[in-house]
N, C-alpha and C. Protein backbone atom coordinates (compact mmCIF):
# COMPACT_ATOMS: atom_id res chain seq x y z
N MET A 1 -36.78 147.22 -121.46
CA MET A 1 -36.28 145.85 -121.60
C MET A 1 -37.36 144.94 -122.18
N ALA A 2 -38.59 145.10 -121.67
CA ALA A 2 -39.70 144.27 -122.18
C ALA A 2 -39.89 144.51 -123.68
N TYR A 3 -39.70 145.77 -124.09
CA TYR A 3 -39.85 146.10 -125.50
C TYR A 3 -38.83 145.34 -126.35
N LEU A 4 -37.58 145.32 -125.86
CA LEU A 4 -36.53 144.61 -126.60
C LEU A 4 -36.85 143.13 -126.72
N CYS A 5 -37.33 142.54 -125.62
CA CYS A 5 -37.67 141.11 -125.64
C CYS A 5 -38.81 140.84 -126.61
N ALA A 6 -39.71 141.81 -126.73
CA ALA A 6 -40.84 141.62 -127.64
C ALA A 6 -40.38 141.56 -129.09
N MET A 7 -39.18 142.06 -129.36
CA MET A 7 -38.64 142.05 -130.72
C MET A 7 -37.67 140.89 -130.91
N LYS A 8 -37.67 139.95 -129.96
CA LYS A 8 -36.76 138.82 -130.03
C LYS A 8 -37.57 137.53 -130.15
N TYR A 9 -37.10 136.62 -130.98
CA TYR A 9 -37.83 135.38 -131.25
C TYR A 9 -36.89 134.18 -131.18
N LEU A 10 -37.44 133.06 -130.71
CA LEU A 10 -36.69 131.80 -130.72
C LEU A 10 -37.30 130.92 -131.81
N ILE A 11 -36.50 130.61 -132.82
CA ILE A 11 -36.94 129.77 -133.95
C ILE A 11 -36.20 128.45 -133.85
N THR A 12 -36.92 127.38 -133.55
CA THR A 12 -36.30 126.08 -133.33
C THR A 12 -36.66 125.11 -134.45
N GLY A 13 -35.64 124.52 -135.04
CA GLY A 13 -35.85 123.44 -136.00
C GLY A 13 -35.61 122.13 -135.28
N LEU A 14 -36.56 121.22 -135.34
CA LEU A 14 -36.41 119.94 -134.66
C LEU A 14 -35.70 118.92 -135.55
N GLY A 15 -34.91 118.07 -134.89
CA GLY A 15 -34.19 117.03 -135.62
C GLY A 15 -33.35 116.23 -134.64
N ASN A 16 -32.59 115.31 -135.16
CA ASN A 16 -31.67 114.51 -134.35
C ASN A 16 -30.24 114.79 -134.80
N ILE A 17 -29.35 114.92 -133.83
CA ILE A 17 -27.95 115.17 -134.18
C ILE A 17 -27.27 113.86 -134.55
N GLY A 18 -26.18 113.98 -135.27
CA GLY A 18 -25.40 112.80 -135.64
C GLY A 18 -25.46 112.54 -137.13
N TYR A 19 -24.34 112.04 -137.63
CA TYR A 19 -24.19 111.81 -139.07
C TYR A 19 -25.28 110.89 -139.62
N GLU A 20 -25.66 109.88 -138.83
CA GLU A 20 -26.63 108.89 -139.34
C GLU A 20 -28.02 109.48 -139.57
N TYR A 21 -28.28 110.67 -138.97
CA TYR A 21 -29.59 111.29 -139.14
C TYR A 21 -29.61 112.37 -140.22
N GLU A 22 -28.44 112.72 -140.74
CA GLU A 22 -28.39 113.76 -141.78
C GLU A 22 -29.14 113.29 -143.02
N GLY A 23 -29.90 114.20 -143.61
CA GLY A 23 -30.62 113.87 -144.84
C GLY A 23 -31.82 112.97 -144.62
N THR A 24 -32.32 112.92 -143.38
CA THR A 24 -33.51 112.11 -143.10
C THR A 24 -34.73 113.02 -142.98
N ARG A 25 -35.90 112.41 -143.16
CA ARG A 25 -37.15 113.18 -143.14
C ARG A 25 -37.39 113.84 -141.79
N HIS A 26 -37.00 113.15 -140.71
CA HIS A 26 -37.25 113.67 -139.36
C HIS A 26 -36.46 114.95 -139.09
N ASN A 27 -35.46 115.24 -139.93
CA ASN A 27 -34.60 116.40 -139.70
C ASN A 27 -34.96 117.60 -140.57
N ILE A 28 -36.16 117.63 -141.10
CA ILE A 28 -36.56 118.76 -141.96
C ILE A 28 -36.52 120.08 -141.18
N GLY A 29 -36.75 120.02 -139.86
CA GLY A 29 -36.66 121.24 -139.04
C GLY A 29 -35.26 121.82 -139.05
N PHE A 30 -34.25 120.93 -138.93
CA PHE A 30 -32.85 121.37 -139.02
C PHE A 30 -32.59 122.00 -140.39
N ASP A 31 -33.08 121.34 -141.44
CA ASP A 31 -32.85 121.83 -142.81
C ASP A 31 -33.43 123.23 -142.98
N ALA A 32 -34.62 123.44 -142.41
CA ALA A 32 -35.29 124.74 -142.57
C ALA A 32 -34.53 125.86 -141.87
N VAL A 33 -34.08 125.61 -140.63
CA VAL A 33 -33.34 126.69 -139.93
C VAL A 33 -31.94 126.87 -140.52
N ASP A 34 -31.37 125.80 -141.08
CA ASP A 34 -30.10 125.95 -141.80
C ASP A 34 -30.27 126.92 -142.97
N ALA A 35 -31.37 126.73 -143.70
CA ALA A 35 -31.64 127.60 -144.86
C ALA A 35 -31.84 129.04 -144.41
N LEU A 36 -32.55 129.24 -143.30
CA LEU A 36 -32.81 130.59 -142.80
C LEU A 36 -31.51 131.24 -142.32
N CYS A 37 -30.68 130.46 -141.65
CA CYS A 37 -29.38 130.98 -141.17
C CYS A 37 -28.53 131.44 -142.35
N LYS A 38 -28.52 130.65 -143.40
CA LYS A 38 -27.74 130.99 -144.59
C LYS A 38 -28.31 132.24 -145.26
N GLN A 39 -29.64 132.28 -145.39
CA GLN A 39 -30.30 133.40 -146.06
C GLN A 39 -30.06 134.72 -145.32
N LEU A 40 -30.06 134.67 -143.98
CA LEU A 40 -29.88 135.89 -143.18
C LEU A 40 -28.44 136.07 -142.70
N GLU A 41 -27.53 135.28 -143.31
CA GLU A 41 -26.09 135.41 -143.12
C GLU A 41 -25.67 135.26 -141.65
N GLY A 42 -26.22 134.22 -141.02
CA GLY A 42 -25.83 133.92 -139.64
C GLY A 42 -24.71 132.90 -139.59
N GLN A 43 -24.20 132.68 -138.39
CA GLN A 43 -23.14 131.69 -138.17
C GLN A 43 -23.56 130.80 -137.00
N TRP A 44 -23.52 129.50 -137.22
CA TRP A 44 -23.83 128.57 -136.13
C TRP A 44 -22.67 128.48 -135.15
N ARG A 45 -23.02 128.31 -133.88
CA ARG A 45 -22.01 128.04 -132.85
C ARG A 45 -22.56 126.98 -131.90
N ASP A 46 -21.68 126.16 -131.36
CA ASP A 46 -22.10 125.18 -130.36
C ASP A 46 -22.37 125.91 -129.05
N ASP A 47 -23.50 125.60 -128.44
CA ASP A 47 -23.85 126.25 -127.18
C ASP A 47 -24.61 125.25 -126.31
N HIS A 48 -25.19 125.73 -125.24
CA HIS A 48 -25.88 124.86 -124.30
C HIS A 48 -27.11 124.22 -124.96
N HIS A 49 -27.21 122.93 -124.91
CA HIS A 49 -28.37 122.17 -125.46
C HIS A 49 -28.53 122.29 -126.96
N GLY A 50 -27.50 122.74 -127.69
CA GLY A 50 -27.67 122.75 -129.14
C GLY A 50 -26.75 123.71 -129.87
N GLU A 51 -27.02 123.84 -131.16
CA GLU A 51 -26.33 124.83 -131.99
C GLU A 51 -27.22 126.06 -132.07
N LEU A 52 -26.58 127.22 -132.02
CA LEU A 52 -27.31 128.48 -131.98
C LEU A 52 -26.77 129.44 -133.02
N ALA A 53 -27.63 130.25 -133.57
CA ALA A 53 -27.22 131.34 -134.45
C ALA A 53 -28.14 132.53 -134.17
N GLU A 54 -27.58 133.72 -134.19
CA GLU A 54 -28.39 134.92 -133.99
C GLU A 54 -28.39 135.73 -135.28
N VAL A 55 -29.59 136.02 -135.79
CA VAL A 55 -29.71 136.76 -137.05
C VAL A 55 -30.72 137.88 -136.86
N LYS A 56 -30.73 138.80 -137.82
CA LYS A 56 -31.67 139.93 -137.76
C LYS A 56 -32.57 139.92 -138.98
N HIS A 57 -33.82 140.36 -138.76
CA HIS A 57 -34.74 140.54 -139.89
C HIS A 57 -35.70 141.66 -139.54
N LYS A 58 -35.63 142.75 -140.30
CA LYS A 58 -36.51 143.91 -140.14
C LYS A 58 -36.61 144.38 -138.69
N GLY A 59 -35.45 144.52 -138.05
CA GLY A 59 -35.41 145.04 -136.68
C GLY A 59 -35.66 143.99 -135.61
N ARG A 60 -36.00 142.78 -136.02
CA ARG A 60 -36.21 141.70 -135.05
C ARG A 60 -34.93 140.88 -134.90
N THR A 61 -34.71 140.38 -133.71
CA THR A 61 -33.60 139.46 -133.45
C THR A 61 -34.17 138.04 -133.42
N LEU A 62 -33.61 137.18 -134.24
CA LEU A 62 -34.05 135.79 -134.29
C LEU A 62 -32.93 134.91 -133.74
N ILE A 63 -33.24 134.18 -132.68
CA ILE A 63 -32.32 133.19 -132.13
C ILE A 63 -32.70 131.86 -132.77
N LEU A 64 -31.84 131.33 -133.63
CA LEU A 64 -32.11 130.06 -134.29
C LEU A 64 -31.50 128.94 -133.46
N LEU A 65 -32.25 127.86 -133.29
CA LEU A 65 -31.80 126.76 -132.43
C LEU A 65 -31.98 125.41 -133.11
N LYS A 66 -30.92 124.61 -133.06
CA LYS A 66 -30.99 123.19 -133.44
C LYS A 66 -30.62 122.40 -132.18
N PRO A 67 -31.63 121.89 -131.46
CA PRO A 67 -31.32 121.20 -130.19
C PRO A 67 -30.43 119.97 -130.42
N ASN A 68 -29.54 119.73 -129.44
CA ASN A 68 -28.70 118.53 -129.51
C ASN A 68 -29.17 117.48 -128.49
N THR A 69 -30.40 117.67 -128.03
CA THR A 69 -30.96 116.80 -126.99
C THR A 69 -31.63 115.55 -127.57
N TYR A 70 -31.61 115.42 -128.88
CA TYR A 70 -32.40 114.42 -129.61
C TYR A 70 -33.88 114.80 -129.52
N MET A 71 -34.63 114.30 -130.47
CA MET A 71 -36.02 114.69 -130.67
C MET A 71 -36.86 114.57 -129.39
N ASN A 72 -36.72 113.45 -128.69
CA ASN A 72 -37.60 113.17 -127.55
C ASN A 72 -37.41 114.09 -126.36
N LEU A 73 -36.32 114.89 -126.36
CA LEU A 73 -36.07 115.82 -125.26
C LEU A 73 -35.98 117.26 -125.75
N SER A 74 -36.60 117.54 -126.88
CA SER A 74 -36.53 118.88 -127.49
C SER A 74 -37.00 119.98 -126.54
N GLY A 75 -38.00 119.67 -125.71
CA GLY A 75 -38.56 120.68 -124.81
C GLY A 75 -37.54 121.26 -123.85
N LYS A 76 -36.59 120.42 -123.44
CA LYS A 76 -35.56 120.85 -122.49
C LYS A 76 -34.75 122.01 -123.07
N ALA A 77 -34.33 121.86 -124.33
CA ALA A 77 -33.52 122.90 -124.98
C ALA A 77 -34.34 124.17 -125.19
N ILE A 78 -35.59 124.01 -125.61
CA ILE A 78 -36.42 125.18 -125.89
C ILE A 78 -36.71 125.97 -124.62
N ARG A 79 -37.04 125.26 -123.54
CA ARG A 79 -37.31 125.95 -122.28
C ARG A 79 -36.06 126.72 -121.82
N TYR A 80 -34.90 126.09 -121.94
CA TYR A 80 -33.65 126.73 -121.50
C TYR A 80 -33.44 128.06 -122.23
N TRP A 81 -33.58 128.03 -123.56
CA TRP A 81 -33.29 129.25 -124.34
C TRP A 81 -34.38 130.30 -124.24
N LEU A 82 -35.63 129.88 -124.06
CA LEU A 82 -36.71 130.86 -123.81
C LEU A 82 -36.40 131.63 -122.51
N GLN A 83 -36.00 130.88 -121.48
CA GLN A 83 -35.71 131.52 -120.19
C GLN A 83 -34.45 132.36 -120.25
N LYS A 84 -33.40 131.82 -120.85
CA LYS A 84 -32.12 132.54 -120.89
C LYS A 84 -32.24 133.85 -121.67
N GLU A 85 -32.96 133.80 -122.79
CA GLU A 85 -33.09 135.00 -123.64
C GLU A 85 -34.30 135.86 -123.28
N LYS A 86 -35.05 135.40 -122.24
CA LYS A 86 -36.25 136.14 -121.79
C LYS A 86 -37.24 136.36 -122.94
N ILE A 87 -37.49 135.28 -123.67
CA ILE A 87 -38.40 135.34 -124.81
C ILE A 87 -39.74 134.72 -124.39
N PRO A 88 -40.85 135.44 -124.57
CA PRO A 88 -42.15 134.85 -124.24
C PRO A 88 -42.48 133.71 -125.21
N VAL A 89 -43.21 132.70 -124.72
CA VAL A 89 -43.46 131.51 -125.53
C VAL A 89 -44.19 131.84 -126.84
N GLU A 90 -44.99 132.89 -126.82
CA GLU A 90 -45.70 133.26 -128.06
C GLU A 90 -44.74 133.82 -129.11
N ASN A 91 -43.52 134.16 -128.71
CA ASN A 91 -42.50 134.63 -129.64
C ASN A 91 -41.55 133.50 -130.04
N SER A 92 -42.03 132.28 -129.89
CA SER A 92 -41.24 131.13 -130.34
C SER A 92 -41.93 130.50 -131.54
N LEU A 93 -41.18 129.75 -132.30
CA LEU A 93 -41.75 129.00 -133.42
C LEU A 93 -40.95 127.72 -133.56
N VAL A 94 -41.68 126.61 -133.61
CA VAL A 94 -41.05 125.30 -133.73
C VAL A 94 -41.35 124.76 -135.13
N ILE A 95 -40.30 124.30 -135.82
CA ILE A 95 -40.47 123.73 -137.17
C ILE A 95 -40.19 122.24 -137.09
N CYS A 96 -41.14 121.42 -137.57
CA CYS A 96 -40.97 119.97 -137.48
C CYS A 96 -41.62 119.26 -138.67
N ASP A 97 -41.30 117.98 -138.80
CA ASP A 97 -41.88 117.14 -139.85
C ASP A 97 -43.28 116.70 -139.45
N ASP A 98 -44.10 116.36 -140.45
CA ASP A 98 -45.45 115.88 -140.18
C ASP A 98 -45.84 114.81 -141.20
N LEU A 99 -46.13 113.62 -140.68
CA LEU A 99 -46.55 112.49 -141.53
C LEU A 99 -47.94 112.67 -142.11
N ASN A 100 -48.75 113.48 -141.43
CA ASN A 100 -50.15 113.61 -141.84
C ASN A 100 -50.37 114.65 -142.93
N LEU A 101 -49.29 115.27 -143.36
CA LEU A 101 -49.39 116.24 -144.46
C LEU A 101 -48.63 115.70 -145.66
N GLU A 102 -49.16 115.94 -146.84
CA GLU A 102 -48.46 115.47 -148.04
C GLU A 102 -47.12 116.18 -148.17
N PHE A 103 -46.21 115.56 -148.85
CA PHE A 103 -44.85 116.07 -148.98
C PHE A 103 -44.84 117.53 -149.45
N GLY A 104 -44.15 118.37 -148.67
CA GLY A 104 -43.99 119.77 -149.05
C GLY A 104 -45.07 120.71 -148.59
N LYS A 105 -46.18 120.18 -148.07
CA LYS A 105 -47.26 121.06 -147.62
C LYS A 105 -46.90 121.60 -146.24
N LEU A 106 -47.18 122.89 -146.01
CA LEU A 106 -46.88 123.52 -144.73
C LEU A 106 -48.17 123.84 -143.98
N ARG A 107 -48.11 123.72 -142.66
CA ARG A 107 -49.25 124.11 -141.84
C ARG A 107 -48.75 124.87 -140.62
N LEU A 108 -49.18 126.11 -140.50
CA LEU A 108 -48.78 126.97 -139.38
C LEU A 108 -49.94 127.11 -138.40
N ARG A 109 -49.67 126.86 -137.13
CA ARG A 109 -50.70 126.97 -136.11
C ARG A 109 -50.12 127.64 -134.87
N ALA A 110 -50.97 128.37 -134.13
CA ALA A 110 -50.55 129.03 -132.89
C ALA A 110 -50.60 128.08 -131.71
N LYS A 111 -51.33 126.97 -131.85
CA LYS A 111 -51.46 125.99 -130.77
C LYS A 111 -51.96 124.69 -131.37
N GLY A 112 -52.05 123.65 -130.53
CA GLY A 112 -52.58 122.39 -131.02
C GLY A 112 -51.97 121.20 -130.30
N SER A 113 -52.44 120.01 -130.68
CA SER A 113 -51.93 118.79 -130.05
C SER A 113 -50.56 118.44 -130.62
N ASP A 114 -49.92 117.45 -129.98
CA ASP A 114 -48.61 117.02 -130.50
C ASP A 114 -48.76 116.14 -131.73
N GLY A 115 -49.97 115.65 -132.01
CA GLY A 115 -50.21 114.85 -133.22
C GLY A 115 -49.36 113.60 -133.29
N GLY A 116 -48.91 113.09 -132.13
CA GLY A 116 -48.08 111.89 -132.12
C GLY A 116 -46.61 112.15 -132.40
N HIS A 117 -46.24 113.44 -132.49
CA HIS A 117 -44.84 113.79 -132.77
C HIS A 117 -44.08 113.88 -131.45
N ASN A 118 -43.02 113.09 -131.29
CA ASN A 118 -42.30 113.02 -130.02
C ASN A 118 -41.64 114.34 -129.62
N GLY A 119 -41.18 115.09 -130.60
CA GLY A 119 -40.59 116.39 -130.30
C GLY A 119 -41.61 117.35 -129.73
N LEU A 120 -42.78 117.44 -130.37
CA LEU A 120 -43.84 118.33 -129.89
C LEU A 120 -44.37 117.85 -128.54
N LYS A 121 -44.42 116.54 -128.36
CA LYS A 121 -44.87 115.98 -127.08
C LYS A 121 -43.95 116.44 -125.95
N SER A 122 -42.65 116.39 -126.18
CA SER A 122 -41.67 116.82 -125.19
C SER A 122 -41.84 118.31 -124.88
N ILE A 123 -42.03 119.12 -125.91
CA ILE A 123 -42.18 120.56 -125.73
C ILE A 123 -43.42 120.86 -124.89
N GLN A 124 -44.52 120.19 -125.23
CA GLN A 124 -45.78 120.40 -124.52
C GLN A 124 -45.65 120.01 -123.05
N GLU A 125 -44.95 118.91 -122.78
CA GLU A 125 -44.78 118.44 -121.40
C GLU A 125 -43.89 119.40 -120.60
N VAL A 126 -42.80 119.83 -121.21
CA VAL A 126 -41.84 120.69 -120.49
C VAL A 126 -42.39 122.10 -120.29
N LEU A 127 -43.05 122.65 -121.31
CA LEU A 127 -43.60 124.01 -121.20
C LEU A 127 -44.95 124.01 -120.49
N ASN A 128 -45.54 122.82 -120.35
CA ASN A 128 -46.84 122.66 -119.70
C ASN A 128 -47.95 123.44 -120.41
N THR A 129 -47.85 123.48 -121.74
CA THR A 129 -48.88 124.14 -122.54
C THR A 129 -48.81 123.62 -123.98
N ASP A 130 -49.95 123.65 -124.67
CA ASP A 130 -49.93 123.34 -126.10
C ASP A 130 -50.12 124.61 -126.92
N VAL A 131 -50.04 125.74 -126.21
CA VAL A 131 -50.19 127.04 -126.88
C VAL A 131 -48.81 127.61 -127.17
N TYR A 132 -48.25 127.17 -128.28
CA TYR A 132 -46.99 127.73 -128.78
C TYR A 132 -47.00 127.52 -130.30
N PRO A 133 -46.53 128.50 -131.06
CA PRO A 133 -46.60 128.40 -132.52
C PRO A 133 -45.73 127.26 -133.06
N ARG A 134 -46.27 126.58 -134.07
CA ARG A 134 -45.49 125.52 -134.72
C ARG A 134 -45.79 125.50 -136.21
N LEU A 135 -44.74 125.21 -136.97
CA LEU A 135 -44.84 125.09 -138.42
C LEU A 135 -44.55 123.64 -138.77
N ARG A 136 -45.58 122.94 -139.22
CA ARG A 136 -45.42 121.54 -139.59
C ARG A 136 -45.12 121.46 -141.09
N VAL A 137 -44.15 120.62 -141.43
CA VAL A 137 -43.74 120.46 -142.82
C VAL A 137 -44.06 119.02 -143.24
N GLY A 138 -44.90 118.89 -144.25
CA GLY A 138 -45.33 117.57 -144.68
C GLY A 138 -44.21 116.73 -145.27
N ILE A 139 -44.11 115.48 -144.79
CA ILE A 139 -43.13 114.54 -145.36
C ILE A 139 -43.86 113.37 -146.04
N GLY A 140 -45.21 113.42 -146.04
CA GLY A 140 -45.98 112.35 -146.66
C GLY A 140 -46.04 111.12 -145.77
N SER A 141 -46.72 110.10 -146.29
CA SER A 141 -46.89 108.86 -145.51
C SER A 141 -46.79 107.65 -146.43
N ASN A 142 -45.78 107.69 -147.28
CA ASN A 142 -45.62 106.63 -148.28
C ASN A 142 -44.85 105.43 -147.71
N PHE A 143 -45.50 104.74 -146.77
CA PHE A 143 -44.85 103.58 -146.15
C PHE A 143 -45.89 102.51 -145.84
N GLY A 144 -45.43 101.28 -145.75
CA GLY A 144 -46.31 100.15 -145.44
C GLY A 144 -46.56 100.03 -143.95
N LYS A 145 -47.48 99.15 -143.61
CA LYS A 145 -47.85 98.92 -142.22
C LYS A 145 -46.61 98.53 -141.40
N GLY A 146 -46.46 99.20 -140.25
CA GLY A 146 -45.34 98.89 -139.37
C GLY A 146 -44.01 99.48 -139.79
N LYS A 147 -44.02 100.27 -140.87
CA LYS A 147 -42.75 100.82 -141.39
C LYS A 147 -42.61 102.32 -141.12
N GLN A 148 -43.44 102.84 -140.23
CA GLN A 148 -43.44 104.29 -139.98
C GLN A 148 -42.09 104.81 -139.51
N VAL A 149 -41.50 104.14 -138.52
CA VAL A 149 -40.22 104.60 -137.96
C VAL A 149 -39.13 104.60 -139.03
N ASN A 150 -39.09 103.53 -139.83
CA ASN A 150 -38.09 103.45 -140.91
C ASN A 150 -38.29 104.58 -141.92
N PHE A 151 -39.54 104.92 -142.19
CA PHE A 151 -39.83 105.98 -143.15
C PHE A 151 -39.39 107.34 -142.60
N VAL A 152 -39.79 107.63 -141.36
CA VAL A 152 -39.47 108.93 -140.76
C VAL A 152 -37.96 109.12 -140.63
N LEU A 153 -37.27 108.06 -140.23
CA LEU A 153 -35.82 108.15 -140.05
C LEU A 153 -35.05 107.80 -141.32
N GLY A 154 -35.80 107.58 -142.40
CA GLY A 154 -35.18 107.23 -143.68
C GLY A 154 -34.71 108.46 -144.44
N LYS A 155 -33.86 108.22 -145.42
CA LYS A 155 -33.31 109.31 -146.25
C LYS A 155 -34.35 109.73 -147.30
N TRP A 156 -34.25 110.97 -147.72
CA TRP A 156 -35.12 111.48 -148.79
C TRP A 156 -34.84 110.72 -150.09
N THR A 157 -35.88 110.56 -150.89
CA THR A 157 -35.68 110.01 -152.24
C THR A 157 -35.06 111.11 -153.10
N GLU A 158 -34.58 110.74 -154.27
CA GLU A 158 -33.98 111.74 -155.16
C GLU A 158 -35.00 112.81 -155.57
N ASP A 159 -36.24 112.38 -155.83
CA ASP A 159 -37.30 113.33 -156.20
C ASP A 159 -37.58 114.30 -155.06
N GLU A 160 -37.65 113.75 -153.84
CA GLU A 160 -37.91 114.60 -152.67
C GLU A 160 -36.77 115.58 -152.46
N LYS A 161 -35.54 115.09 -152.61
CA LYS A 161 -34.36 115.95 -152.45
C LYS A 161 -34.42 117.15 -153.38
N ALA A 162 -34.89 116.90 -154.59
CA ALA A 162 -34.97 117.99 -155.58
C ALA A 162 -35.95 119.07 -155.13
N GLY A 163 -36.97 118.68 -154.39
CA GLY A 163 -37.97 119.65 -153.93
C GLY A 163 -37.62 120.36 -152.64
N LEU A 164 -36.62 119.84 -151.93
CA LEU A 164 -36.29 120.39 -150.60
C LEU A 164 -35.90 121.87 -150.57
N PRO A 165 -35.04 122.32 -151.48
CA PRO A 165 -34.66 123.74 -151.41
C PRO A 165 -35.87 124.68 -151.48
N GLY A 166 -36.82 124.37 -152.34
CA GLY A 166 -38.01 125.20 -152.46
C GLY A 166 -38.87 125.17 -151.20
N ILE A 167 -38.96 123.99 -150.59
CA ILE A 167 -39.73 123.84 -149.35
C ILE A 167 -39.07 124.64 -148.23
N CYS A 168 -37.76 124.51 -148.12
CA CYS A 168 -37.03 125.25 -147.08
C CYS A 168 -37.14 126.76 -147.29
N GLU A 169 -37.15 127.18 -148.55
CA GLU A 169 -37.30 128.61 -148.85
C GLU A 169 -38.67 129.10 -148.41
N GLN A 170 -39.70 128.27 -148.62
CA GLN A 170 -41.04 128.66 -148.18
C GLN A 170 -41.11 128.71 -146.65
N CYS A 171 -40.42 127.78 -145.99
CA CYS A 171 -40.35 127.83 -144.52
C CYS A 171 -39.74 129.14 -144.06
N CYS A 172 -38.68 129.57 -144.74
CA CYS A 172 -38.02 130.86 -144.41
C CYS A 172 -39.01 132.01 -144.55
N ASP A 173 -39.80 131.98 -145.62
CA ASP A 173 -40.80 133.03 -145.85
C ASP A 173 -41.82 133.06 -144.71
N VAL A 174 -42.23 131.87 -144.26
CA VAL A 174 -43.21 131.79 -143.17
C VAL A 174 -42.61 132.35 -141.88
N VAL A 175 -41.39 131.97 -141.56
CA VAL A 175 -40.74 132.47 -140.34
C VAL A 175 -40.66 133.99 -140.38
N LYS A 176 -40.22 134.54 -141.50
CA LYS A 176 -40.08 135.99 -141.61
C LYS A 176 -41.44 136.68 -141.49
N ALA A 177 -42.48 136.03 -142.01
CA ALA A 177 -43.84 136.59 -141.87
C ALA A 177 -44.29 136.54 -140.42
N VAL A 178 -44.01 135.44 -139.73
CA VAL A 178 -44.42 135.29 -138.32
C VAL A 178 -43.82 136.40 -137.47
N VAL A 179 -42.53 136.68 -137.67
CA VAL A 179 -41.87 137.67 -136.79
C VAL A 179 -42.22 139.11 -137.17
N THR A 180 -42.78 139.31 -138.36
CA THR A 180 -43.13 140.68 -138.75
C THR A 180 -44.63 140.97 -138.64
N VAL A 181 -45.49 140.00 -138.97
CA VAL A 181 -46.94 140.28 -138.96
C VAL A 181 -47.72 139.38 -138.00
N GLY A 182 -47.05 138.43 -137.35
CA GLY A 182 -47.73 137.56 -136.40
C GLY A 182 -48.22 136.27 -137.04
N VAL A 183 -48.52 135.29 -136.19
CA VAL A 183 -48.89 133.95 -136.65
C VAL A 183 -50.16 133.96 -137.49
N ASP A 184 -51.19 134.67 -137.01
CA ASP A 184 -52.48 134.63 -137.72
C ASP A 184 -52.35 135.11 -139.16
N ARG A 185 -51.71 136.25 -139.35
CA ARG A 185 -51.57 136.78 -140.72
C ARG A 185 -50.55 135.97 -141.53
N ALA A 186 -49.57 135.39 -140.84
CA ALA A 186 -48.54 134.61 -141.54
C ALA A 186 -49.10 133.29 -142.08
N GLN A 187 -50.26 132.87 -141.62
CA GLN A 187 -50.83 131.62 -142.09
C GLN A 187 -51.08 131.65 -143.60
N ASN A 188 -51.30 132.84 -144.14
CA ASN A 188 -51.46 132.97 -145.59
C ASN A 188 -50.19 132.57 -146.33
N THR A 189 -49.03 132.85 -145.71
CA THR A 189 -47.75 132.52 -146.32
C THR A 189 -47.55 131.01 -146.37
N ALA A 190 -48.12 130.32 -145.38
CA ALA A 190 -47.95 128.87 -145.30
C ALA A 190 -48.96 128.13 -146.18
N ALA A 191 -49.96 128.87 -146.70
CA ALA A 191 -50.96 128.23 -147.56
C ALA A 191 -50.33 127.81 -148.88
N PRO A 192 -50.87 126.75 -149.50
CA PRO A 192 -50.32 126.30 -150.78
C PRO A 192 -50.38 127.39 -151.83
N LYS A 193 -49.34 127.49 -152.62
CA LYS A 193 -49.29 128.49 -153.70
C LYS A 193 -50.26 128.06 -154.82
N LYS A 194 -51.03 129.02 -155.33
CA LYS A 194 -51.99 128.71 -156.40
C LYS A 194 -51.26 128.62 -157.73
């Protein structure tokens, strides 16, 4: 049984549910897992604390999660599904937006601070650890003083929209690398393409 669980992963894309949040920068995590679900021919279903899809990649089972708890309570959904599916925290991966990275840049880490991100803050508080893999996706910081919230919850520009499919595809590549070769070796996949 432990062996089977070792081949199972929880991949969570962070975002906010609701029509008003669709197409916003804060929902890049949702966009990334949507792309992965489509690529691996999964089907979303409504379930406890979110939408879930189960897909396979090279003998691994990936449980994809889009929490419906809103960003600030993301940890609640992740803890529930880690426990229910008996997945160790090191076999999880959280995908979220990051203001401190330029648009489209990816950064994969096995641990770290929440960096001021409310979703990561919730996860760290609920899991009581900052040691869990996360993939940060750069959304840039092109906003004036005091306009951070409007920027994060704002819609993508047309130029940004054009770049999104490629960014989501790279996120998919990183996830597939994480579940097959581990976070440390997968960091090469998240590095900028030369």
